[in-house]
Amino acid sequence: MRAKARNNKKTPKRESVSALKKELMALAFEPIYSSSFKDVVTRLTVMLQALASQYGYDVEFSGRVTKISDGDRYYFEYPVTLKRGSVSRKLKLGVQYLFYEEGKWVGMIVDVKP
């Protein structure tokens, strides 16, 4: 009976991580527009931190970022660690940035990997 109680306590944490991933993918339909690349990155970071805090996680960004550029398109893969107490989960967040008009940028999440 105790083993069952322990498993029930772990389930909500797992569900919250998968629910958070689903919400991050839903953000792919909400691009961020701005006149500067830096502003798009900052606004995306703030959105990610606010969303993670709703699920009780702190967000840590690794210094290692994979970047691929193709003309006016830039794809970044950010390694992100979600922490809650002693539990940590790692994700790779794929974000695409586009220079779409004179001095205007758009950024959007295109992939979330475990």
Protein backbone atom coordinates (compact mmCIF):
# COMPACT_ATOMS: atom_id res chain seq x y z
CA MET A 1 0.00 0.00 0.00
CA ARG A 2 2.86 2.38 0.74
CA ALA A 3 4.37 1.75 -2.70
CA LYS A 4 1.13 2.87 -4.29
CA ALA A 5 1.10 6.08 -2.27
CA ARG A 6 4.65 6.88 -3.37
CA ASN A 7 3.81 6.34 -7.03
CA ASN A 8 0.79 8.65 -6.73
CA LYS A 9 3.00 11.41 -5.34
CA LYS A 10 5.36 11.18 -8.34
CA THR A 11 2.65 11.20 -10.99
CA PRO A 12 1.66 14.90 -10.70
CA LYS A 13 5.29 15.94 -11.17
CA ARG A 14 5.58 13.89 -14.34
CA GLU A 15 2.28 15.23 -15.58
CA SER A 16 3.34 18.80 -14.93
CA VAL A 17 6.50 18.35 -17.02
CA SER A 18 4.56 16.90 -19.94
CA ALA A 19 1.89 19.59 -19.58
CA LEU A 20 4.61 22.25 -19.55
CA LYS A 21 6.11 20.76 -22.75
CA LYS A 22 2.68 20.88 -24.41
CA GLU A 23 2.23 24.51 -23.43
CA LEU A 24 5.68 25.36 -24.78
CA MET A 25 4.78 23.77 -28.10
CA ALA A 26 1.51 25.73 -28.09
CA LEU A 27 3.61 28.90 -27.94
CA ALA A 28 4.78 28.05 -31.47
CA PHE A 29 1.51 29.58 -32.61
CA GLU A 30 2.29 32.82 -30.77
CA PRO A 31 5.27 34.44 -32.52
CA ILE A 32 7.02 37.36 -30.84
CA TYR A 33 7.56 40.45 -32.99
CA SER A 34 9.99 43.25 -32.25
CA SER A 35 12.32 45.73 -33.85
CA SER A 36 15.40 44.11 -32.27
CA PHE A 37 16.71 40.58 -32.02
CA LYS A 38 17.70 41.11 -28.39
CA ASP A 39 14.16 42.18 -27.46
CA VAL A 40 12.68 39.04 -29.03
CA VAL A 41 15.10 36.82 -27.06
CA THR A 42 14.38 38.70 -23.84
CA ARG A 43 10.62 38.49 -24.25
CA LEU A 44 10.81 34.78 -25.07
CA THR A 45 12.95 34.17 -21.98
CA VAL A 46 10.48 36.04 -19.76
CA MET A 47 7.56 34.03 -21.22
CA LEU A 48 9.39 30.76 -20.55
CA GLN A 49 10.22 31.74 -16.97
CA ALA A 50 6.62 32.82 -16.26
CA LEU A 51 5.21 29.59 -17.71
CA ALA A 52 7.68 27.39 -15.78
CA SER A 53 6.90 29.20 -12.52
CA GLN A 54 3.20 28.35 -12.99
CA TYR A 55 4.25 24.71 -12.77
CA GLY A 56 6.57 25.33 -9.82
CA TYR A 57 9.84 25.13 -11.76
CA ASP A 58 12.86 27.40 -11.86
CA VAL A 59 14.54 27.75 -15.25
CA GLU A 60 18.28 27.61 -15.87
CA PHE A 61 19.77 28.28 -19.30
CA SER A 62 23.02 26.61 -20.23
CA GLY A 63 25.78 28.65 -21.82
CA ARG A 64 25.99 26.18 -24.72
CA VAL A 65 23.68 27.15 -27.55
CA THR A 66 23.62 25.49 -30.95
CA LYS A 67 23.10 28.03 -33.72
CA ILE A 68 22.36 27.45 -37.39
CA SER A 69 21.90 30.37 -39.76
CA ASP A 70 20.54 30.43 -43.28
CA GLY A 71 20.29 33.90 -44.74
CA ASP A 72 17.68 35.79 -42.74
CA ARG A 73 16.72 32.73 -40.68
CA TYR A 74 18.43 31.70 -37.47
CA TYR A 75 17.72 28.50 -35.55
CA PHE A 76 18.90 28.23 -31.95
CA GLU A 77 18.72 25.14 -29.76
CA TYR A 78 18.78 26.11 -26.10
CA PRO A 79 19.54 23.48 -23.44
CA VAL A 80 17.18 24.33 -20.56
CA THR A 81 17.07 22.81 -17.09
CA LEU A 82 13.83 22.93 -15.12
CA LYS A 83 14.36 22.60 -11.37
CA ARG A 84 11.94 22.00 -8.54
CA GLY A 85 13.63 21.27 -5.23
CA SER A 86 16.13 18.47 -5.84
CA VAL A 87 14.39 17.33 -9.03
CA SER A 88 15.68 18.59 -12.37
CA ARG A 89 14.50 17.94 -15.92
CA LYS A 90 16.42 18.82 -19.05
CA LEU A 91 14.83 20.06 -22.25
CA LYS A 92 16.13 21.32 -25.55
CA LEU A 93 14.13 24.26 -26.79
CA GLY A 94 14.32 24.95 -30.53
CA VAL A 95 13.64 28.57 -31.45
CA GLN A 96 13.65 30.10 -34.91
CA TYR A 97 14.29 33.80 -35.48
CA LEU A 98 13.50 35.51 -38.76
CA PHE A 99 14.49 38.91 -40.08
CA TYR A 100 11.30 39.62 -42.02
CA GLU A 101 11.33 43.32 -42.83
CA GLU A 102 13.66 46.30 -42.57
CA GLY A 103 14.70 46.27 -38.92
CA LYS A 104 12.00 43.83 -37.75
CA TRP A 105 12.40 40.41 -36.15
CA VAL A 106 10.09 37.56 -35.22
CA GLY A 107 10.91 34.64 -32.95
CA MET A 108 8.96 31.45 -32.33
CA ILE A 109 9.36 28.13 -30.59
CA VAL A 110 9.50 25.36 -33.17
CA ASP A 111 10.58 22.33 -31.14
CA VAL A 112 10.69 21.01 -27.56
CA LYS A 113 12.78 17.88 -26.97
CA PRO A 114 13.27 15.93 -23.74
